[in-house]
Amino acid sequence: QLEEMSGSGVAQGEGAALCATIESKIKEALQATLVKVEDLSDGCGSKIDVIVVSEKFEGVGLLDRQRSVHAAIPDEMKIIHAITMKCKTPAQWEKMQSA
């Protein structure tokens, strides 16, 4: 039986639901034009990869970009054990895609 994490609103073992929640919260908080969240943990959601493209990252250093992503998902961060992030501006993302 799945046990819900205290205060998170997300049950363990529901990696897809967790990814969808994370994607929605980040998109809203950062007004992101692109958010991709991938569960790398065989379905439990404890290890994720995140790509965020937002104009709000213009002129913002990498560490502060990552902090803003963390701030958008405080409850979910309590149950994530590992997270990798790519936080890009739209121009940086376009350049990456054309390389």
PDB file of N, CA and C in Angstrom:
ATOM      1  N   GLN A   1       0.844  -1.185   0.000  1.00  0.00           N
ATOM      2  CA  GLN A   1       0.000   0.000   0.000  1.00  0.00           C
ATOM      3  C   GLN A   1       0.887   1.246   0.000  1.00  0.00           C
ATOM      4  N   LEU A   2       0.478   2.229  -0.782  1.00  0.00           N
ATOM      5  CA  LEU A   2       1.241   3.465  -0.885  1.00  0.00           C
ATOM      6  C   LEU A   2       1.002   4.336   0.329  1.00  0.00           C
ATOM      7  N   GLU A   3       2.060   4.951   0.770  1.00  0.00           N
ATOM      8  CA  GLU A   3       1.947   5.828   1.927  1.00  0.00           C
ATOM      9  C   GLU A   3       2.220   7.257   1.483  1.00  0.00           C
ATOM     10  N   GLU A   4       1.321   8.158   1.786  1.00  0.00           N
ATOM     11  CA  GLU A   4       1.473   9.546   1.368  1.00  0.00           C
ATOM     12  C   GLU A   4       2.500  10.250   2.240  1.00  0.00           C
ATOM     13  N   MET A   5       3.369  11.019   1.585  1.00  0.00           N
ATOM     14  CA  MET A   5       4.370  11.798   2.308  1.00  0.00           C
ATOM     15  C   MET A   5       3.657  12.957   3.014  1.00  0.00           C
ATOM     16  N   SER A   6       4.066  13.224   4.200  1.00  0.00           N
ATOM     17  CA  SER A   6       3.436  14.260   5.002  1.00  0.00           C
ATOM     18  C   SER A   6       3.512  15.627   4.337  1.00  0.00           C
ATOM     19  N   GLY A   7       2.350  16.198   4.041  1.00  0.00           N
ATOM     20  CA  GLY A   7       2.283  17.552   3.526  1.00  0.00           C
ATOM     21  C   GLY A   7       2.585  17.703   2.051  1.00  0.00           C
ATOM     22  N   SER A   8       3.060  16.640   1.380  1.00  0.00           N
ATOM     23  CA  SER A   8       3.464  16.805  -0.016  1.00  0.00           C
ATOM     24  C   SER A   8       2.296  16.679  -0.980  1.00  0.00           C
ATOM     25  N   GLY A   9       1.276  15.915  -0.600  1.00  0.00           N
ATOM     26  CA  GLY A   9       0.153  15.710  -1.505  1.00  0.00           C
ATOM     27  C   GLY A   9       0.478  14.744  -2.620  1.00  0.00           C
ATOM     28  N   VAL A  10       1.662  14.115  -2.577  1.00  0.00           N
ATOM     29  CA  VAL A  10       2.081  13.173  -3.607  1.00  0.00           C
ATOM     30  C   VAL A  10       2.468  11.867  -2.936  1.00  0.00           C
ATOM     31  N   ALA A  11       1.883  10.777  -3.376  1.00  0.00           N
ATOM     32  CA  ALA A  11       2.179   9.476  -2.797  1.00  0.00           C
ATOM     33  C   ALA A  11       3.424   8.882  -3.433  1.00  0.00           C
ATOM     34  N   GLN A  12       4.200   8.151  -2.637  1.00  0.00           N
ATOM     35  CA  GLN A  12       5.357   7.452  -3.180  1.00  0.00           C
ATOM     36  C   GLN A  12       4.877   6.427  -4.187  1.00  0.00           C
ATOM     37  N   GLY A  13       5.698   6.135  -5.181  1.00  0.00           N
ATOM     38  CA  GLY A  13       5.322   5.157  -6.182  1.00  0.00           C
ATOM     39  C   GLY A  13       4.528   5.763  -7.321  1.00  0.00           C
ATOM     40  N   GLU A  14       4.298   7.038  -7.290  1.00  0.00           N
ATOM     41  CA  GLU A  14       3.536   7.700  -8.342  1.00  0.00           C
ATOM     42  C   GLU A  14       4.424   8.709  -9.056  1.00  0.00           C
ATOM     43  N   GLY A  15       5.503   8.199  -9.662  1.00  0.00           N
ATOM     44  CA  GLY A  15       6.469   9.061 -10.322  1.00  0.00           C
ATOM     45  C   GLY A  15       5.868   9.913 -11.421  1.00  0.00           C
ATOM     46  N   ALA A  16       4.963   9.341 -12.214  1.00  0.00           N
ATOM     47  CA  ALA A  16       4.355  10.096 -13.319  1.00  0.00           C
ATOM     48  C   ALA A  16       3.520  11.260 -12.777  1.00  0.00           C
ATOM     49  N   ALA A  17       2.764  11.010 -11.717  1.00  0.00           N
ATOM     50  CA  ALA A  17       1.955  12.076 -11.114  1.00  0.00           C
ATOM     51  C   ALA A  17       2.850  13.145 -10.515  1.00  0.00           C
ATOM     52  N   LEU A  18       3.939  12.722  -9.884  1.00  0.00           N
ATOM     53  CA  LEU A  18       4.881  13.670  -9.302  1.00  0.00           C
ATOM     54  C   LEU A  18       5.494  14.543 -10.391  1.00  0.00           C
ATOM     55  N   CYS A  19       5.903  13.935 -11.490  1.00  0.00           N
ATOM     56  CA  CYS A  19       6.500  14.693 -12.601  1.00  0.00           C
ATOM     57  C   CYS A  19       5.507  15.708 -13.161  1.00  0.00           C
ATOM     58  N   ALA A  20       4.256  15.318 -13.298  1.00  0.00           N
ATOM     59  CA  ALA A  20       3.229  16.229 -13.815  1.00  0.00           C
ATOM     60  C   ALA A  20       3.009  17.402 -12.862  1.00  0.00           C
ATOM     61  N   THR A  21       3.005  17.129 -11.568  1.00  0.00           N
ATOM     62  CA  THR A  21       2.835  18.174 -10.562  1.00  0.00           C
ATOM     63  C   THR A  21       4.010  19.138 -10.602  1.00  0.00           C
ATOM     64  N   ILE A  22       5.217  18.599 -10.658  1.00  0.00           N
ATOM     65  CA  ILE A  22       6.427  19.419 -10.707  1.00  0.00           C
ATOM     66  C   ILE A  22       6.412  20.298 -11.954  1.00  0.00           C
ATOM     67  N   GLU A  23       6.094  19.696 -13.080  1.00  0.00           N
ATOM     68  CA  GLU A  23       6.050  20.430 -14.343  1.00  0.00           C
ATOM     69  C   GLU A  23       5.083  21.608 -14.259  1.00  0.00           C
ATOM     70  N   SER A  24       3.901  21.356 -13.741  1.00  0.00           N
ATOM     71  CA  SER A  24       2.880  22.395 -13.621  1.00  0.00           C
ATOM     72  C   SER A  24       3.321  23.527 -12.693  1.00  0.00           C
ATOM     73  N   LYS A  25       3.865  23.176 -11.536  1.00  0.00           N
ATOM     74  CA  LYS A  25       4.272  24.183 -10.559  1.00  0.00           C
ATOM     75  C   LYS A  25       5.420  25.047 -11.071  1.00  0.00           C
ATOM     76  N   ILE A  26       6.391  24.423 -11.735  1.00  0.00           N
ATOM     77  CA  ILE A  26       7.525  25.182 -12.260  1.00  0.00           C
ATOM     78  C   ILE A  26       7.058  26.103 -13.381  1.00  0.00           C
ATOM     79  N   LYS A  27       6.220  25.572 -14.264  1.00  0.00           N
ATOM     80  CA  LYS A  27       5.735  26.369 -15.400  1.00  0.00           C
ATOM     81  C   LYS A  27       5.009  27.616 -14.900  1.00  0.00           C
ATOM     82  N   GLU A  28       4.180  27.436 -13.888  1.00  0.00           N
ATOM     83  CA  GLU A  28       3.416  28.555 -13.339  1.00  0.00           C
ATOM     84  C   GLU A  28       4.324  29.549 -12.606  1.00  0.00           C
ATOM     85  N   ALA A  29       5.193  29.061 -11.745  1.00  0.00           N
ATOM     86  CA  ALA A  29       6.032  29.940 -10.922  1.00  0.00           C
ATOM     87  C   ALA A  29       7.033  30.738 -11.745  1.00  0.00           C
ATOM     88  N   LEU A  30       7.567  30.120 -12.798  1.00  0.00           N
ATOM     89  CA  LEU A  30       8.618  30.778 -13.575  1.00  0.00           C
ATOM     90  C   LEU A  30       8.142  31.263 -14.930  1.00  0.00           C
ATOM     91  N   GLN A  31       6.837  31.153 -15.180  1.00  0.00           N
ATOM     92  CA  GLN A  31       6.266  31.537 -16.474  1.00  0.00           C
ATOM     93  C   GLN A  31       7.109  30.942 -17.601  1.00  0.00           C
ATOM     94  N   ALA A  32       7.438  29.668 -17.451  1.00  0.00           N
ATOM     95  CA  ALA A  32       8.337  28.980 -18.371  1.00  0.00           C
ATOM     96  C   ALA A  32       7.663  28.672 -19.702  1.00  0.00           C
ATOM     97  N   THR A  33       8.436  28.806 -20.767  1.00  0.00           N
ATOM     98  CA  THR A  33       7.930  28.460 -22.097  1.00  0.00           C
ATOM     99  C   THR A  33       8.088  26.964 -22.358  1.00  0.00           C
ATOM    100  N   LEU A  34       8.994  26.319 -21.607  1.00  0.00           N
ATOM    101  CA  LEU A  34       9.194  24.878 -21.727  1.00  0.00           C
ATOM    102  C   LEU A  34       9.596  24.314 -20.376  1.00  0.00           C
ATOM    103  N   VAL A  35       8.940  23.239 -19.971  1.00  0.00           N
ATOM    104  CA  VAL A  35       9.335  22.488 -18.775  1.00  0.00           C
ATOM    105  C   VAL A  35       9.208  21.009 -19.127  1.00  0.00           C
ATOM    106  N   LYS A  36      10.313  20.288 -18.983  1.00  0.00           N
ATOM    107  CA  LYS A  36      10.306  18.837 -19.181  1.00  0.00           C
ATOM    108  C   LYS A  36      10.821  18.205 -17.902  1.00  0.00           C
ATOM    109  N   VAL A  37      10.040  17.261 -17.373  1.00  0.00           N
ATOM    110  CA  VAL A  37      10.438  16.557 -16.160  1.00  0.00           C
ATOM    111  C   VAL A  37      10.422  15.073 -16.472  1.00  0.00           C
ATOM    112  N   GLU A  38      11.559  14.424 -16.234  1.00  0.00           N
ATOM    113  CA  GLU A  38      11.670  12.990 -16.511  1.00  0.00           C
ATOM    114  C   GLU A  38      12.024  12.251 -15.232  1.00  0.00           C
ATOM    115  N   ASP A  39      11.291  11.192 -14.951  1.00  0.00           N
ATOM    116  CA  ASP A  39      11.541  10.343 -13.789  1.00  0.00           C
ATOM    117  C   ASP A  39      12.624   9.335 -14.166  1.00  0.00           C
ATOM    118  N   LEU A  40      13.755   9.401 -13.492  1.00  0.00           N
ATOM    119  CA  LEU A  40      14.873   8.492 -13.759  1.00  0.00           C
ATOM    120  C   LEU A  40      14.985   7.402 -12.694  1.00  0.00           C
ATOM    121  N   SER A  41      13.932   7.242 -11.890  1.00  0.00           N
ATOM    122  CA  SER A  41      14.021   6.366 -10.716  1.00  0.00           C
ATOM    123  C   SER A  41      13.134   5.123 -10.805  1.00  0.00           C
ATOM    124  N   ASP A  42      12.839   4.657 -11.984  1.00  0.00           N
ATOM    125  CA  ASP A  42      11.992   3.470 -12.146  1.00  0.00           C
ATOM    126  C   ASP A  42      10.598   3.661 -11.579  1.00  0.00           C
ATOM    127  N   GLY A  43      10.075   4.875 -11.632  1.00  0.00           N
ATOM    128  CA  GLY A  43       8.681   5.106 -11.285  1.00  0.00           C
ATOM    129  C   GLY A  43       8.364   5.669  -9.929  1.00  0.00           C
ATOM    130  N   CYS A  44       9.355   5.794  -9.039  1.00  0.00           N
ATOM    131  CA  CYS A  44       9.019   6.306  -7.702  1.00  0.00           C
ATOM    132  C   CYS A  44       9.153   7.826  -7.605  1.00  0.00           C
ATOM    133  N   GLY A  45       9.821   8.455  -8.573  1.00  0.00           N
ATOM    134  CA  GLY A  45       9.928   9.903  -8.579  1.00  0.00           C
ATOM    135  C   GLY A  45      11.003  10.479  -7.679  1.00  0.00           C
ATOM    136  N   SER A  46      11.872   9.638  -7.123  1.00  0.00           N
ATOM    137  CA  SER A  46      12.882  10.160  -6.203  1.00  0.00           C
ATOM    138  C   SER A  46      14.126  10.681  -6.923  1.00  0.00           C
ATOM    139  N   LYS A  47      14.242  10.388  -8.226  1.00  0.00           N
ATOM    140  CA  LYS A  47      15.371  10.881  -9.018  1.00  0.00           C
ATOM    141  C   LYS A  47      14.805  11.442 -10.316  1.00  0.00           C
ATOM    142  N   ILE A  48      14.970  12.752 -10.525  1.00  0.00           N
ATOM    143  CA  ILE A  48      14.371  13.365 -11.703  1.00  0.00           C
ATOM    144  C   ILE A  48      15.359  14.253 -12.455  1.00  0.00           C
ATOM    145  N   ASP A  49      15.067  14.438 -13.721  1.00  0.00           N
ATOM    146  CA  ASP A  49      15.810  15.335 -14.592  1.00  0.00           C
ATOM    147  C   ASP A  49      14.830  16.413 -15.046  1.00  0.00           C
ATOM    148  N   VAL A  50      15.239  17.676 -14.936  1.00  0.00           N
ATOM    149  CA  VAL A  50      14.352  18.790 -15.251  1.00  0.00           C
ATOM    150  C   VAL A  50      15.018  19.729 -16.249  1.00  0.00           C
ATOM    151  N   ILE A  51      14.275  20.115 -17.277  1.00  0.00           N
ATOM    152  CA  ILE A  51      14.699  21.147 -18.213  1.00  0.00           C
ATOM    153  C   ILE A  51      13.686  22.281 -18.091  1.00  0.00           C
ATOM    154  N   VAL A  52      14.179  23.495 -17.856  1.00  0.00           N
ATOM    155  CA  VAL A  52      13.310  24.661 -17.724  1.00  0.00           C
ATOM    156  C   VAL A  52      13.835  25.772 -18.630  1.00  0.00           C
ATOM    157  N   VAL A  53      12.954  26.304 -19.454  1.00  0.00           N
ATOM    158  CA  VAL A  53      13.292  27.437 -20.308  1.00  0.00           C
ATOM    159  C   VAL A  53      12.359  28.584 -19.918  1.00  0.00           C
ATOM    160  N   SER A  54      12.966  29.692 -19.480  1.00  0.00           N
ATOM    161  CA  SER A  54      12.164  30.817 -19.014  1.00  0.00           C
ATOM    162  C   SER A  54      12.880  32.137 -19.269  1.00  0.00           C
ATOM    163  N   GLU A  55      12.113  33.137 -19.668  1.00  0.00           N
ATOM    164  CA  GLU A  55      12.663  34.483 -19.822  1.00  0.00           C
ATOM    165  C   GLU A  55      13.083  35.056 -18.471  1.00  0.00           C
ATOM    166  N   LYS A  56      12.520  34.533 -17.388  1.00  0.00           N
ATOM    167  CA  LYS A  56      12.885  35.011 -16.046  1.00  0.00           C
ATOM    168  C   LYS A  56      14.339  34.696 -15.706  1.00  0.00           C
ATOM    169  N   PHE A  57      14.993  33.829 -16.502  1.00  0.00           N
ATOM    170  CA  PHE A  57      16.396  33.498 -16.266  1.00  0.00           C
ATOM    171  C   PHE A  57      17.358  34.508 -16.901  1.00  0.00           C
ATOM    172  N   GLU A  58      16.820  35.456 -17.667  1.00  0.00           N
ATOM    173  CA  GLU A  58      17.670  36.474 -18.295  1.00  0.00           C
ATOM    174  C   GLU A  58      18.438  37.242 -17.218  1.00  0.00           C
ATOM    175  N   GLY A  59      19.762  37.295 -17.341  1.00  0.00           N
ATOM    176  CA  GLY A  59      20.596  38.044 -16.407  1.00  0.00           C
ATOM    177  C   GLY A  59      20.738  37.415 -15.034  1.00  0.00           C
ATOM    178  N   VAL A  60      20.288  36.161 -14.881  1.00  0.00           N
ATOM    179  CA  VAL A  60      20.327  35.470 -13.591  1.00  0.00           C
ATOM    180  C   VAL A  60      21.376  34.359 -13.674  1.00  0.00           C
ATOM    181  N   GLY A  61      22.219  34.267 -12.659  1.00  0.00           N
ATOM    182  CA  GLY A  61      23.253  33.233 -12.624  1.00  0.00           C
ATOM    183  C   GLY A  61      22.670  31.830 -12.464  1.00  0.00           C
ATOM    184  N   LEU A  62      23.486  30.831 -12.800  1.00  0.00           N
ATOM    185  CA  LEU A  62      23.037  29.443 -12.771  1.00  0.00           C
ATOM    186  C   LEU A  62      22.518  29.006 -11.401  1.00  0.00           C
ATOM    187  N   LEU A  63      23.249  29.331 -10.351  1.00  0.00           N
ATOM    188  CA  LEU A  63      22.839  28.918  -9.008  1.00  0.00           C
ATOM    189  C   LEU A  63      21.488  29.520  -8.630  1.00  0.00           C
ATOM    190  N   ASP A  64      21.283  30.795  -8.955  1.00  0.00           N
ATOM    191  CA  ASP A  64      20.004  31.438  -8.643  1.00  0.00           C
ATOM    192  C   ASP A  64      18.869  30.874  -9.500  1.00  0.00           C
ATOM    193  N   ARG A  65      19.180  30.463 -10.712  1.00  0.00           N
ATOM    194  CA  ARG A  65      18.168  29.813 -11.553  1.00  0.00           C
ATOM    195  C   ARG A  65      17.711  28.521 -10.884  1.00  0.00           C
ATOM    196  N   GLN A  66      18.688  27.734 -10.430  1.00  0.00           N
ATOM    197  CA  GLN A  66      18.357  26.465  -9.777  1.00  0.00           C
ATOM    198  C   GLN A  66      17.614  26.685  -8.468  1.00  0.00           C
ATOM    199  N   ARG A  67      17.983  27.698  -7.742  1.00  0.00           N
ATOM    200  CA  ARG A  67      17.275  28.021  -6.496  1.00  0.00           C
ATOM    201  C   ARG A  67      15.816  28.382  -6.770  1.00  0.00           C
ATOM    202  N   SER A  68      15.572  29.079  -7.888  1.00  0.00           N
ATOM    203  CA  SER A  68      14.197  29.453  -8.214  1.00  0.00           C
ATOM    204  C   SER A  68      13.360  28.224  -8.572  1.00  0.00           C
ATOM    205  N   VAL A  69      13.985  27.229  -9.184  1.00  0.00           N
ATOM    206  CA  VAL A  69      13.281  25.971  -9.470  1.00  0.00           C
ATOM    207  C   VAL A  69      12.968  25.257  -8.156  1.00  0.00           C
ATOM    208  N   HIS A  70      13.949  25.160  -7.277  1.00  0.00           N
ATOM    209  CA  HIS A  70      13.729  24.542  -5.960  1.00  0.00           C
ATOM    210  C   HIS A  70      12.598  25.250  -5.217  1.00  0.00           C
ATOM    211  N   ALA A  71      12.585  26.579  -5.271  1.00  0.00           N
ATOM    212  CA  ALA A  71      11.571  27.360  -4.562  1.00  0.00           C
ATOM    213  C   ALA A  71      10.169  27.114  -5.117  1.00  0.00           C
ATOM    214  N   ALA A  72      10.073  26.742  -6.378  1.00  0.00           N
ATOM    215  CA  ALA A  72       8.766  26.489  -7.003  1.00  0.00           C
ATOM    216  C   ALA A  72       8.154  25.166  -6.553  1.00  0.00           C
ATOM    217  N   ILE A  73       8.995  24.254  -6.035  1.00  0.00           N
ATOM    218  CA  ILE A  73       8.504  22.910  -5.672  1.00  0.00           C
ATOM    219  C   ILE A  73       8.997  22.488  -4.277  1.00  0.00           C
ATOM    220  N   PRO A  74       8.734  23.290  -3.250  1.00  0.00           N
ATOM    221  CA  PRO A  74       9.280  22.974  -1.918  1.00  0.00           C
ATOM    222  C   PRO A  74       8.784  21.652  -1.340  1.00  0.00           C
ATOM    223  N   ASP A  75       7.517  21.338  -1.499  1.00  0.00           N
ATOM    224  CA  ASP A  75       6.995  20.077  -0.954  1.00  0.00           C
ATOM    225  C   ASP A  75       7.577  18.876  -1.687  1.00  0.00           C
ATOM    226  N   GLU A  76       7.679  18.996  -3.001  1.00  0.00           N
ATOM    227  CA  GLU A  76       8.200  17.895  -3.804  1.00  0.00           C
ATOM    228  C   GLU A  76       9.687  17.659  -3.525  1.00  0.00           C
ATOM    229  N   MET A  77      10.418  18.728  -3.210  1.00  0.00           N
ATOM    230  CA  MET A  77      11.849  18.580  -2.911  1.00  0.00           C
ATOM    231  C   MET A  77      12.080  17.724  -1.666  1.00  0.00           C
ATOM    232  N   LYS A  78      11.076  17.631  -0.796  1.00  0.00           N
ATOM    233  CA  LYS A  78      11.206  16.816   0.417  1.00  0.00           C
ATOM    234  C   LYS A  78      11.297  15.323   0.100  1.00  0.00           C
ATOM    235  N   ILE A  79      10.769  14.904  -1.058  1.00  0.00           N
ATOM    236  CA  ILE A  79      10.775  13.480  -1.390  1.00  0.00           C
ATOM    237  C   ILE A  79      11.700  13.138  -2.561  1.00  0.00           C
ATOM    238  N   ILE A  80      12.302  14.167  -3.165  1.00  0.00           N
ATOM    239  CA  ILE A  80      13.248  13.942  -4.256  1.00  0.00           C
ATOM    240  C   ILE A  80      14.632  13.751  -3.652  1.00  0.00           C
ATOM    241  N   HIS A  81      15.297  12.672  -4.042  1.00  0.00           N
ATOM    242  CA  HIS A  81      16.639  12.397  -3.522  1.00  0.00           C
ATOM    243  C   HIS A  81      17.727  12.933  -4.447  1.00  0.00           C
ATOM    244  N   ALA A  82      17.417  13.012  -5.739  1.00  0.00           N
ATOM    245  CA  ALA A  82      18.397  13.504  -6.709  1.00  0.00           C
ATOM    246  C   ALA A  82      17.661  14.260  -7.813  1.00  0.00           C
ATOM    247  N   ILE A  83      18.207  15.423  -8.165  1.00  0.00           N
ATOM    248  CA  ILE A  83      17.610  16.219  -9.223  1.00  0.00           C
ATOM    249  C   ILE A  83      18.727  16.816 -10.074  1.00  0.00           C
ATOM    250  N   THR A  84      18.578  16.697 -11.385  1.00  0.00           N
ATOM    251  CA  THR A  84      19.494  17.372 -12.298  1.00  0.00           C
ATOM    252  C   THR A  84      18.669  18.393 -13.058  1.00  0.00           C
ATOM    253  N   MET A  85      19.289  19.556 -13.326  1.00  0.00           N
ATOM    254  CA  MET A  85      18.542  20.648 -13.962  1.00  0.00           C
ATOM    255  C   MET A  85      19.334  21.287 -15.083  1.00  0.00           C
ATOM    256  N   LYS A  86      18.610  21.641 -16.114  1.00  0.00           N
ATOM    257  CA  LYS A  86      19.108  22.534 -17.150  1.00  0.00           C
ATOM    258  C   LYS A  86      18.155  23.726 -17.120  1.00  0.00           C
ATOM    259  N   CYS A  87      18.669  24.883 -16.772  1.00  0.00           N
ATOM    260  CA  CYS A  87      17.863  26.100 -16.649  1.00  0.00           C
ATOM    261  C   CYS A  87      18.372  27.103 -17.682  1.00  0.00           C
ATOM    262  N   LYS A  88      17.603  27.307 -18.732  1.00  0.00           N
ATOM    263  CA  LYS A  88      18.052  28.119 -19.864  1.00  0.00           C
ATOM    264  C   LYS A  88      17.085  29.249 -20.172  1.00  0.00           C
ATOM    265  N   THR A  89      17.633  30.311 -20.779  1.00  0.00           N
ATOM    266  CA  THR A  89      16.791  31.356 -21.347  1.00  0.00           C
ATOM    267  C   THR A  89      16.320  30.837 -22.709  1.00  0.00           C
ATOM    268  N   PRO A  90      15.275  31.427 -23.274  1.00  0.00           N
ATOM    269  CA  PRO A  90      14.842  30.989 -24.612  1.00  0.00           C
ATOM    270  C   PRO A  90      15.966  31.061 -25.650  1.00  0.00           C
ATOM    271  N   ALA A  91      16.786  32.112 -25.607  1.00  0.00           N
ATOM    272  CA  ALA A  91      17.895  32.250 -26.567  1.00  0.00           C
ATOM    273  C   ALA A  91      18.930  31.144 -26.370  1.00  0.00           C
ATOM    274  N   GLN A  92      19.253  30.824 -25.126  1.00  0.00           N
ATOM    275  CA  GLN A  92      20.204  29.745 -24.844  1.00  0.00           C
ATOM    276  C   GLN A  92      19.658  28.407 -25.316  1.00  0.00           C
ATOM    277  N   TRP A  93      18.359  28.194 -25.096  1.00  0.00           N
ATOM    278  CA  TRP A  93      17.746  26.933 -25.508  1.00  0.00           C
ATOM    279  C   TRP A  93      17.761  26.793 -27.030  1.00  0.00           C
ATOM    280  N   GLU A  94      17.418  27.869 -27.732  1.00  0.00           N
ATOM    281  CA  GLU A  94      17.449  27.846 -29.202  1.00  0.00           C
ATOM    282  C   GLU A  94      18.845  27.522 -29.710  1.00  0.00           C
ATOM    283  N   LYS A  95      19.843  28.127 -29.092  1.00  0.00           N
ATOM    284  CA  LYS A  95      21.231  27.896 -29.494  1.00  0.00           C
ATOM    285  C   LYS A  95      21.616  26.425 -29.266  1.00  0.00           C
ATOM    286  N   MET A  96      21.183  25.859 -28.151  1.00  0.00           N
ATOM    287  CA  MET A  96      21.457  24.440 -27.858  1.00  0.00           C
ATOM    288  C   MET A  96      20.794  23.529 -28.889  1.00  0.00           C
ATOM    289  N   GLN A  97      19.580  23.861 -29.284  1.00  0.00           N
ATOM    290  CA  GLN A  97      18.830  23.023 -30.210  1.00  0.00           C
ATOM    291  C   GLN A  97      19.414  23.058 -31.620  1.00  0.00           C
ATOM    292  N   SER A  98      20.034  24.175 -31.989  1.00  0.00           N
ATOM    293  CA  SER A  98      20.585  24.306 -33.330  1.00  0.00           C
ATOM    294  C   SER A  98      22.036  23.833 -33.428  1.00  0.00           C
ATOM    295  N   ALA A  99      22.638  23.543 -32.274  1.00  0.00           N
ATOM    296  CA  ALA A  99      24.051  23.107 -32.265  1.00  0.00           C
ATOM    297  C   ALA A  99      24.195  21.662 -32.701  1.00  0.00           C
TER     298      ALA A  99
END
